[in-house]
Protein backbone atom coordinates (compact mmCIF):
# COMPACT_ATOMS: atom_id res chain seq x y z
CA MET A 1 10.94 -19.79 7.93
CA HIS A 2 12.50 -17.28 5.51
CA SER A 3 15.07 -19.26 3.61
CA LEU A 4 15.64 -20.63 0.11
CA ASP A 5 16.58 -23.99 1.64
CA ARG A 6 12.96 -25.16 1.42
CA ILE A 7 12.60 -24.66 -2.33
CA GLU A 8 14.94 -24.03 -5.19
CA PRO A 9 14.39 -20.93 -7.38
CA LEU A 10 13.18 -21.62 -10.88
CA ASP A 11 14.85 -20.49 -14.09
CA ALA A 12 12.41 -18.25 -15.97
CA ALA A 13 13.28 -20.08 -19.21
CA SER A 14 12.73 -23.50 -17.65
CA PRO A 15 9.75 -25.60 -18.83
CA GLU A 16 9.01 -26.16 -15.14
CA PHE A 17 8.12 -22.49 -14.72
CA PRO A 18 4.37 -22.89 -13.93
CA VAL A 19 3.16 -19.63 -15.57
CA SER A 20 4.24 -18.38 -18.96
CA ILE A 21 3.62 -15.26 -21.01
CA ASP A 22 1.19 -17.29 -23.04
CA ASP A 23 -0.78 -18.22 -19.88
CA ILE A 24 -0.96 -14.52 -19.02
CA ARG A 25 -2.10 -13.58 -22.51
CA ALA A 26 -4.78 -16.27 -22.29
CA ALA A 27 -5.86 -14.98 -18.90
CA HIS A 28 -6.14 -11.46 -20.33
CA ALA A 29 -8.38 -12.65 -23.18
CA ARG A 30 -10.49 -14.47 -20.59
CA ILE A 31 -10.94 -11.64 -18.08
CA SER A 32 -10.73 -8.45 -20.16
CA PRO A 33 -14.48 -8.22 -20.97
CA SER A 34 -15.20 -8.01 -17.24
CA ILE A 35 -12.49 -5.83 -15.76
CA VAL A 36 -11.56 -2.16 -16.20
CA ARG A 37 -8.71 -1.52 -18.67
CA THR A 38 -7.16 0.99 -16.29
CA PRO A 39 -5.09 3.84 -17.76
CA THR A 40 -1.29 3.96 -17.81
CA LEU A 41 -0.36 7.67 -17.66
CA HIS A 42 2.89 9.60 -17.71
CA SER A 43 3.43 11.86 -14.70
CA LYS A 44 5.48 14.97 -15.49
CA THR A 45 5.50 16.16 -11.87
CA LEU A 46 6.60 12.81 -10.33
CA SER A 47 9.21 12.50 -13.09
CA ALA A 48 10.63 15.89 -12.12
CA LEU A 49 10.59 14.97 -8.40
CA SER A 50 12.30 11.60 -8.81
CA GLY A 51 14.79 12.13 -11.63
CA ALA A 52 13.21 9.22 -13.57
CA ASP A 53 10.59 9.09 -16.32
CA VAL A 54 7.48 7.90 -14.48
CA TRP A 55 4.33 6.11 -15.71
CA LEU A 56 1.47 5.18 -13.37
CA LYS A 57 -0.96 2.28 -13.81
CA PHE A 58 -4.21 3.21 -12.01
CA GLU A 59 -5.44 -0.18 -10.71
CA ASN A 60 -7.17 1.72 -7.91
CA LEU A 61 -9.81 2.45 -10.60
CA GLN A 62 -11.00 -1.18 -10.76
CA PHE A 63 -14.59 -1.62 -9.53
CA THR A 64 -13.41 -3.02 -6.18
CA ALA A 65 -10.48 -0.51 -6.24
CA ALA A 66 -7.70 -3.09 -6.52
CA TYR A 67 -5.88 -5.34 -9.04
CA LYS A 68 -6.84 -8.45 -7.07
CA GLU A 69 -9.95 -8.79 -9.20
CA ARG A 70 -7.82 -9.98 -12.08
CA GLY A 71 -6.45 -13.12 -10.47
CA ALA A 72 -9.72 -13.87 -8.68
CA LEU A 73 -11.73 -13.67 -11.93
CA ASN A 74 -9.24 -15.75 -13.86
CA ARG A 75 -9.38 -18.45 -11.16
CA LEU A 76 -13.17 -18.49 -11.14
CA LEU A 77 -13.35 -18.74 -14.92
CA MET A 78 -11.00 -21.76 -14.86
CA LEU A 79 -13.31 -23.77 -12.53
CA ASP A 80 -15.16 -26.72 -13.97
CA PRO A 81 -18.98 -26.62 -13.79
CA ALA A 82 -19.16 -28.90 -10.73
CA ALA A 83 -16.69 -26.75 -8.76
CA ARG A 84 -18.55 -23.61 -9.77
CA ALA A 85 -21.84 -25.05 -8.53
CA LYS A 86 -20.37 -25.98 -5.13
CA GLY A 87 -18.62 -22.67 -4.70
CA VAL A 88 -15.27 -21.31 -3.52
CA ILE A 89 -13.76 -20.33 -0.22
CA ALA A 90 -10.90 -17.98 0.79
CA ALA A 91 -9.31 -16.47 3.86
CA SER A 92 -8.97 -12.74 3.47
CA ALA A 93 -9.89 -9.45 5.12
CA GLY A 94 -8.73 -7.34 2.22
CA ASN A 95 -8.82 -6.85 -1.52
CA HIS A 96 -8.76 -10.52 -2.43
CA ALA A 97 -12.05 -10.99 -0.54
CA GLN A 98 -13.64 -8.08 -2.38
CA GLY A 99 -12.53 -9.23 -5.85
CA LEU A 100 -13.56 -12.82 -5.31
CA ALA A 101 -16.91 -11.84 -3.82
CA TYR A 102 -17.76 -9.39 -6.60
CA HIS A 103 -16.95 -11.67 -9.52
CA GLY A 104 -18.31 -14.72 -7.79
CA ALA A 105 -21.69 -13.00 -7.41
CA ARG A 106 -21.52 -11.81 -11.05
CA LEU A 107 -20.86 -15.34 -12.30
CA GLY A 108 -23.28 -17.07 -9.93
CA VAL A 109 -20.50 -18.87 -8.01
CA PRO A 110 -21.15 -19.06 -4.21
CA VAL A 111 -18.30 -17.44 -2.31
CA THR A 112 -17.42 -17.94 1.35
CA ILE A 113 -14.83 -15.73 2.96
CA VAL A 114 -13.30 -16.53 6.39
CA MET A 115 -12.10 -13.47 8.29
CA PRO A 116 -10.55 -13.04 11.75
CA ARG A 117 -13.03 -11.84 14.36
CA PRO A 118 -11.27 -8.49 14.88
CA THR A 119 -11.75 -7.56 11.17
CA PRO A 120 -13.25 -4.05 10.95
CA THR A 121 -17.02 -4.13 10.45
CA VAL A 122 -16.78 -2.04 7.30
CA LYS A 123 -14.72 -4.75 5.59
CA VAL A 124 -17.21 -7.43 6.63
CA MET A 125 -20.09 -5.32 5.32
CA GLN A 126 -18.35 -4.53 2.02
CA THR A 127 -17.66 -8.25 1.40
CA GLU A 128 -21.19 -9.25 2.30
CA GLY A 129 -22.41 -6.38 0.08
CA HIS A 130 -20.79 -8.11 -2.89
CA GLY A 131 -22.85 -11.23 -2.13
CA ALA A 132 -20.35 -13.38 -0.22
CA THR A 133 -21.01 -15.32 2.97
CA VAL A 134 -18.60 -14.16 5.67
CA VAL A 135 -17.49 -16.52 8.42
CA LEU A 136 -15.72 -14.85 11.38
CA HIS A 137 -13.28 -17.17 13.03
CA GLY A 138 -10.20 -16.80 15.29
CA GLU A 139 -8.16 -13.83 16.33
CA THR A 140 -5.55 -13.84 13.61
CA PHE A 141 -5.29 -14.41 9.84
CA ASP A 142 -3.59 -17.75 10.49
CA ASP A 143 -6.64 -18.85 12.51
CA ALA A 144 -8.97 -17.77 9.69
CA TYR A 145 -6.78 -19.51 7.06
CA ALA A 146 -6.71 -22.81 8.97
CA HIS A 147 -10.50 -22.71 9.40
CA ALA A 148 -11.01 -21.96 5.72
CA ARG A 149 -8.96 -25.03 4.81
CA THR A 150 -11.10 -27.12 7.16
CA LEU A 151 -14.35 -25.82 5.63
CA GLU A 152 -12.91 -26.45 2.18
CA VAL A 153 -12.75 -30.17 2.91
CA GLU A 154 -15.96 -30.36 4.97
CA ARG A 155 -18.13 -28.60 2.35
CA GLY A 156 -16.37 -29.69 -0.79
CA LEU A 157 -15.48 -26.12 -1.73
CA THR A 158 -12.54 -24.94 -3.90
CA PHE A 159 -9.99 -22.91 -2.00
CA VAL A 160 -8.75 -19.78 -3.81
CA HIS A 161 -5.38 -18.67 -2.48
CA PRO A 162 -4.76 -14.91 -2.55
CA PHE A 163 -1.36 -15.31 -4.28
CA ASP A 164 0.19 -18.77 -4.35
CA GLU A 165 -1.61 -20.36 -7.30
CA PRO A 166 -0.70 -20.33 -11.06
CA ASP A 167 -4.16 -19.12 -12.19
CA ILE A 168 -4.01 -16.26 -9.68
CA ILE A 169 -0.50 -15.32 -10.80
CA ALA A 170 -1.50 -15.43 -14.46
CA GLY A 171 -4.39 -13.08 -13.79
CA GLN A 172 -2.24 -10.60 -11.91
CA GLY A 173 0.26 -10.62 -14.72
CA THR A 174 -2.25 -8.99 -17.03
CA VAL A 175 -1.43 -5.69 -15.28
CA ALA A 176 2.02 -5.68 -16.94
CA LEU A 177 0.63 -6.77 -20.32
CA GLU A 178 -1.48 -3.61 -20.41
CA MET A 179 1.31 -1.40 -19.08
CA MET A 180 3.87 -2.56 -21.60
CA GLU A 181 1.34 -2.19 -24.42
CA ASP A 182 0.30 1.32 -23.36
CA ALA A 183 3.82 2.54 -22.55
CA PRO A 184 6.32 0.32 -24.43
CA GLU A 185 9.17 2.65 -23.50
CA ILE A 186 9.09 1.47 -19.87
CA ASP A 187 12.37 -0.21 -19.00
CA THR A 188 11.87 -0.68 -15.25
CA LEU A 189 8.96 -1.87 -13.11
CA ILE A 190 8.70 -1.33 -9.40
CA VAL A 191 6.17 -3.76 -7.98
CA PRO A 192 4.84 -4.04 -4.39
CA ILE A 193 5.36 -7.49 -2.78
CA GLY A 194 3.27 -9.00 -0.03
CA GLY A 195 2.74 -12.66 -0.81
CA GLY A 196 4.38 -12.17 -4.22
CA GLY A 197 1.55 -12.93 -6.66
CA LEU A 198 1.54 -9.56 -8.35
CA PHE A 199 5.32 -9.47 -8.78
CA SER A 200 5.34 -13.05 -10.08
CA GLY A 201 2.71 -12.36 -12.73
CA MET A 202 3.93 -8.91 -13.75
CA GLY A 203 7.57 -10.05 -13.85
CA THR A 204 6.74 -13.05 -16.02
CA ALA A 205 4.70 -10.88 -18.42
CA ALA A 206 7.21 -8.02 -18.60
CA ARG A 207 10.21 -10.34 -19.22
CA GLY A 208 8.22 -12.18 -21.85
CA ILE A 209 7.65 -8.90 -23.70
CA LYS A 210 10.98 -7.14 -22.97
CA PRO A 211 13.64 -9.65 -21.78
CA ASP A 212 16.00 -6.88 -20.48
CA VAL A 213 13.34 -5.07 -18.40
CA HIS A 214 14.59 -4.21 -14.89
CA LEU A 215 12.34 -5.65 -12.14
CA VAL A 216 12.44 -4.34 -8.55
CA GLY A 217 10.18 -5.55 -5.77
CA VAL A 218 9.30 -3.34 -2.82
CA GLN A 219 8.19 -4.30 0.70
CA ALA A 220 7.27 -2.41 3.83
CA GLU A 221 10.20 -2.26 6.22
CA LEU A 222 8.05 -3.74 8.96
CA TYR A 223 7.19 -6.83 6.83
CA PRO A 224 10.34 -7.80 4.89
CA SER A 225 9.32 -11.44 4.41
CA MET A 226 10.24 -11.82 0.74
CA TYR A 227 13.29 -9.63 1.23
CA ASP A 228 14.45 -12.11 3.91
CA VAL A 229 14.03 -14.93 1.44
CA ILE A 230 15.88 -13.28 -1.45
CA LYS A 231 18.61 -11.66 0.63
CA ASN A 232 18.95 -14.66 2.99
CA ALA A 233 18.32 -12.26 5.85
CA ASN A 234 16.39 -12.70 9.06
CA LEU A 235 14.70 -9.31 9.71
CA PRO A 236 11.61 -9.42 11.97
CA CYS A 237 8.12 -9.21 10.44
CA ASP A 238 5.76 -7.36 12.72
CA GLY A 239 4.19 -4.01 13.40
CA ASP A 240 1.36 -1.72 12.40
CA THR A 241 2.19 -0.69 8.85
CA LEU A 242 0.27 1.69 6.61
CA ALA A 243 0.79 -0.85 3.81
CA GLU A 244 -1.44 -3.50 5.32
CA GLY A 245 -2.16 -4.99 1.89
CA ILE A 246 1.48 -6.19 1.69
CA ALA A 247 1.89 -7.02 5.38
CA VAL A 248 2.50 -10.77 4.82
CA LYS A 249 4.64 -12.69 7.23
CA GLU A 250 5.17 -15.76 5.05
CA PRO A 251 5.41 -15.36 1.29
CA GLY A 252 4.19 -18.11 -1.02
CA LEU A 253 6.28 -21.20 -1.71
CA LEU A 254 5.51 -20.79 -5.41
CA THR A 255 5.86 -17.03 -5.60
CA ARG A 256 9.24 -17.05 -3.87
CA ARG A 257 10.52 -19.08 -6.81
CA PHE A 258 9.32 -16.50 -9.29
CA VAL A 259 10.76 -13.61 -7.30
CA ALA A 260 14.11 -15.41 -6.89
CA ALA A 261 14.27 -15.98 -10.66
CA LEU A 262 12.94 -12.63 -11.83
CA ALA A 263 13.83 -9.87 -9.34
CA ASP A 264 16.85 -7.69 -10.03
CA ASP A 265 16.48 -6.40 -6.49
CA VAL A 266 13.99 -6.13 -3.59
CA VAL A 267 14.05 -2.96 -1.53
CA LEU A 268 12.39 -1.81 1.67
CA VAL A 269 10.52 1.42 2.50
CA ASP A 270 9.76 2.87 5.91
CA GLU A 271 6.45 4.16 7.21
CA ARG A 272 7.31 7.82 6.65
CA SER A 273 8.10 7.14 2.98
CA LEU A 274 4.75 5.33 2.57
CA GLU A 275 2.86 8.20 4.20
CA GLN A 276 4.62 10.73 1.93
CA ALA A 277 3.82 8.69 -1.16
CA VAL A 278 0.10 8.39 -0.32
CA SER A 279 -0.05 12.16 0.23
CA LEU A 280 1.85 13.01 -2.94
CA LEU A 281 -0.40 10.86 -5.09
CA LEU A 282 -3.48 12.61 -3.76
CA GLN A 283 -1.91 16.09 -4.07
CA ILE A 284 -0.24 15.61 -7.48
CA GLU A 285 -2.28 12.98 -9.30
CA LYS A 286 -5.56 13.63 -7.47
CA THR A 287 -5.95 9.90 -6.85
CA VAL A 288 -6.53 7.94 -3.60
CA VAL A 289 -4.28 4.95 -2.94
CA GLU A 290 -3.81 2.71 0.04
CA GLY A 291 -0.42 2.27 1.66
CA ALA A 292 0.45 -0.79 -0.45
CA GLY A 293 -0.64 1.06 -3.58
CA ALA A 294 1.85 3.81 -2.86
CA ALA A 295 4.76 1.50 -2.07
CA GLY A 296 6.19 1.75 -5.60
CA LEU A 297 6.35 5.52 -5.47
CA ALA A 298 7.79 5.34 -1.94
CA ALA A 299 10.58 3.13 -3.23
CA LEU A 300 11.24 5.40 -6.21
CA LEU A 301 11.66 8.48 -3.98
CA ALA A 302 13.55 6.68 -1.21
CA HIS A 303 16.05 5.07 -3.68
CA LYS A 304 16.38 7.83 -6.30
CA ALA A 305 19.94 6.92 -7.35
CA MET A 306 18.83 3.37 -8.26
CA PHE A 307 16.25 4.64 -10.73
CA ALA A 308 17.78 7.90 -12.01
CA GLY A 309 17.29 8.34 -15.73
CA ARG A 310 15.22 5.13 -16.09
CA LYS A 311 11.77 4.89 -17.60
CA VAL A 312 9.87 3.53 -14.61
CA GLY A 313 6.41 1.99 -14.42
CA LEU A 314 4.59 2.03 -11.05
CA VAL A 315 1.36 0.13 -10.36
CA LEU A 316 -1.05 1.87 -7.99
CA CYS A 317 -2.35 -1.53 -6.95
CA GLY A 318 -5.17 -0.49 -4.64
CA GLY A 319 -7.17 2.40 -3.32
CA ASN A 320 -8.95 0.92 -0.29
CA ILE A 321 -7.89 3.09 2.61
CA ASP A 322 -9.90 4.08 5.66
CA MET A 323 -10.92 7.74 5.36
CA ARG A 324 -9.88 8.63 8.88
CA LEU A 325 -6.49 7.03 8.32
CA LEU A 326 -6.14 8.97 5.06
CA ALA A 327 -7.00 12.20 6.90
CA ASN A 328 -4.28 11.44 9.46
CA VAL A 329 -1.74 10.73 6.80
CA LEU A 330 -2.49 14.00 4.99
CA LEU A 331 -2.32 16.07 8.20
CA ARG A 332 0.93 14.44 9.23
CA ASP A 333 2.39 15.22 5.84
CA LEU A 334 1.31 18.86 6.22
CA ALA A 335 3.04 18.93 9.61
CA ARG A 336 6.27 17.45 8.25
CA SER A 337 6.36 19.99 5.41
CA GLY A 338 5.91 22.91 7.81
CA ARG A 339 2.39 23.78 6.62
CA LEU A 340 0.91 22.68 9.93
CA ALA A 341 2.68 23.02 13.28
CA ARG A 342 2.14 22.78 16.99
CA LEU A 343 4.29 25.05 19.11
CA ARG A 344 4.69 24.68 22.94
CA ILE A 345 5.27 28.11 24.50
CA ARG A 346 6.14 28.76 28.20
CA LEU A 347 4.23 31.75 29.55
CA GLN A 348 3.68 33.55 32.82
CA ASP A 349 0.05 33.53 33.98
CA ARG A 350 -0.59 37.28 33.68
CA PRO A 351 -3.32 39.33 32.03
CA GLY A 352 -2.51 40.18 28.41
CA THR A 353 0.05 37.42 27.91
CA LEU A 354 -2.08 35.49 25.45
CA TYR A 355 -2.90 38.72 23.54
CA ASN A 356 0.79 39.54 23.21
CA VAL A 357 1.56 36.07 21.84
CA ALA A 358 -1.35 36.15 19.41
CA ARG A 359 -0.16 39.60 18.16
CA ILE A 360 3.15 38.04 17.08
CA PHE A 361 1.30 35.36 15.08
CA GLN A 362 -0.79 38.11 13.50
CA GLU A 363 2.28 40.16 12.63
CA GLN A 364 3.94 37.16 10.99
CA GLY A 365 0.76 36.22 9.07
CA VAL A 366 0.41 32.78 10.67
CA ASN A 367 -3.12 31.52 11.14
CA ILE A 368 -3.93 30.06 14.61
CA LEU A 369 -6.14 26.94 14.44
CA GLU A 370 -6.31 25.76 18.09
CA LEU A 371 -5.09 26.86 21.50
CA TYR A 372 -4.48 24.56 24.51
CA HIS A 373 -3.75 26.01 27.97
CA GLN A 374 -2.17 23.82 30.62
CA ARG A 375 -1.97 25.20 34.16
CA ILE A 376 -2.33 22.17 36.40
CA PHE A 377 -0.64 19.12 34.83
CA THR A 378 2.67 20.77 34.13
CA THR A 379 6.18 20.83 35.63
CA LEU A 380 6.22 24.60 35.44
CA PRO A 381 5.99 26.75 38.63
CA ALA A 382 2.49 27.65 39.94
CA LYS A 383 2.60 31.06 38.23
CA GLY A 384 3.59 29.52 34.91
CA LEU A 385 1.53 27.89 32.15
CA SER A 386 2.18 25.90 29.04
CA LEU A 387 0.42 27.05 25.84
CA ASP A 388 0.18 24.76 22.84
CA VAL A 389 -0.61 26.60 19.63
CA GLU A 390 -1.70 24.69 16.54
CA CYS A 391 -1.02 26.95 13.58
CA GLU A 392 -0.80 27.12 9.79
CA PRO A 393 2.36 28.60 8.32
CA ARG A 394 2.90 28.65 4.54
CA ASP A 395 6.05 26.53 4.66
CA GLU A 396 9.17 25.72 6.73
CA ALA A 397 10.75 29.14 6.08
CA HIS A 398 7.59 30.92 7.23
CA LEU A 399 7.52 28.81 10.37
CA ALA A 400 11.19 29.59 11.03
CA ARG A 401 10.42 33.36 10.85
CA LEU A 402 7.63 32.92 13.39
CA MET A 403 9.90 30.99 15.79
CA ALA A 404 12.55 33.70 15.46
CA ALA A 405 9.99 36.45 16.22
CA LEU A 406 8.78 34.61 19.30
CA ALA A 407 12.36 34.15 20.54
CA GLN A 408 13.12 37.81 19.93
CA ALA A 409 10.08 38.78 22.05
CA GLY A 410 11.52 36.67 24.89
CA TYR A 411 9.27 33.63 24.63
CA ASP A 412 10.54 30.06 25.13
CA ALA A 413 8.91 28.23 22.20
CA ALA A 414 9.56 24.74 20.91
CA ARG A 415 8.09 22.78 18.04
CA VAL A 416 6.22 19.60 18.96
CA GLU A 417 7.73 17.08 16.51
CA LEU A 418 6.07 14.08 14.83
CA ALA A 419 7.55 10.59 15.00
């Protein structure tokens, strides 16, 4: 259910607000000896591209490559000795599992993580590598979550929610404490929202330091769960998003209160924008981020008018992306920018035809990477063939010159477009 009918938004100034700037400062004092004080750096190139003044907070440089360590560690440090001895449990196949497992092992707190059975083996191995016990249960996250709550009661463990707890929110808020200290000129924060824990903590911290700071949340277009709550909309939440770290169908009951009270706006970004942002951060900043970690930049570039002239802080909240997926994203970005292309050319099956086509590529200075002939499975006549040429122009203008040269030579050539 995506509606504010279930729970009233809190006023940030209300004593009922369950996390304060003081709670976040206390959390920072508690966790700072054991986390990385990641840099907040100004980006000249992204500033020029976006029309805003841009600072980046590199949370992908944490030991487990994500900000989730902060909340997990704060929660572990707040446990009483008896709870520490029995251990904690969580349901997660992502960064929360890694952060909880790593700091649990470091502190000597037993950690059990319940994951759905289809979870990629590499994630299971990474979590076990940090010393956690992994229980595979069910086909979906909801199945794993329900089983974790059952084991919590059966084994007397403490459940650590990935976002909907005050101690978690306070830990995540330490990201903004550091950002505002390192770059006090920031007047706008763009924060990714999945369950809402990061936005809740960062928003509380930033408003506590600078009451007029502008706070904008961003969600993947395929998973607009918090957007639905705030905008009283009913957009569907489903699909295979690059930003899997914020692909949450049901935001927290607590965090939705924070977002309702703190957010100036919540915006959506599509998959193409997320892919472009991941690629730009690698090309420009030489840093690897996952889809969720690039969501802030995706929003900045997709909604330029909203942020023009502002001093914007973006948090690169995680860097855990599958290498094959990253390779696909980078190649797709090259294709969209005209630096990689596949052309489909109709030819007659005669000696010398391929040579003549290749000569045009040579004359135009376009490198050929791969050739694919298709004689049988085609709608062309028996004497015809389809030739796919994967090639490497310098840019869109260079590709256009190649297409014009092929047309002038009498060849029917078309570009194979990406989705």
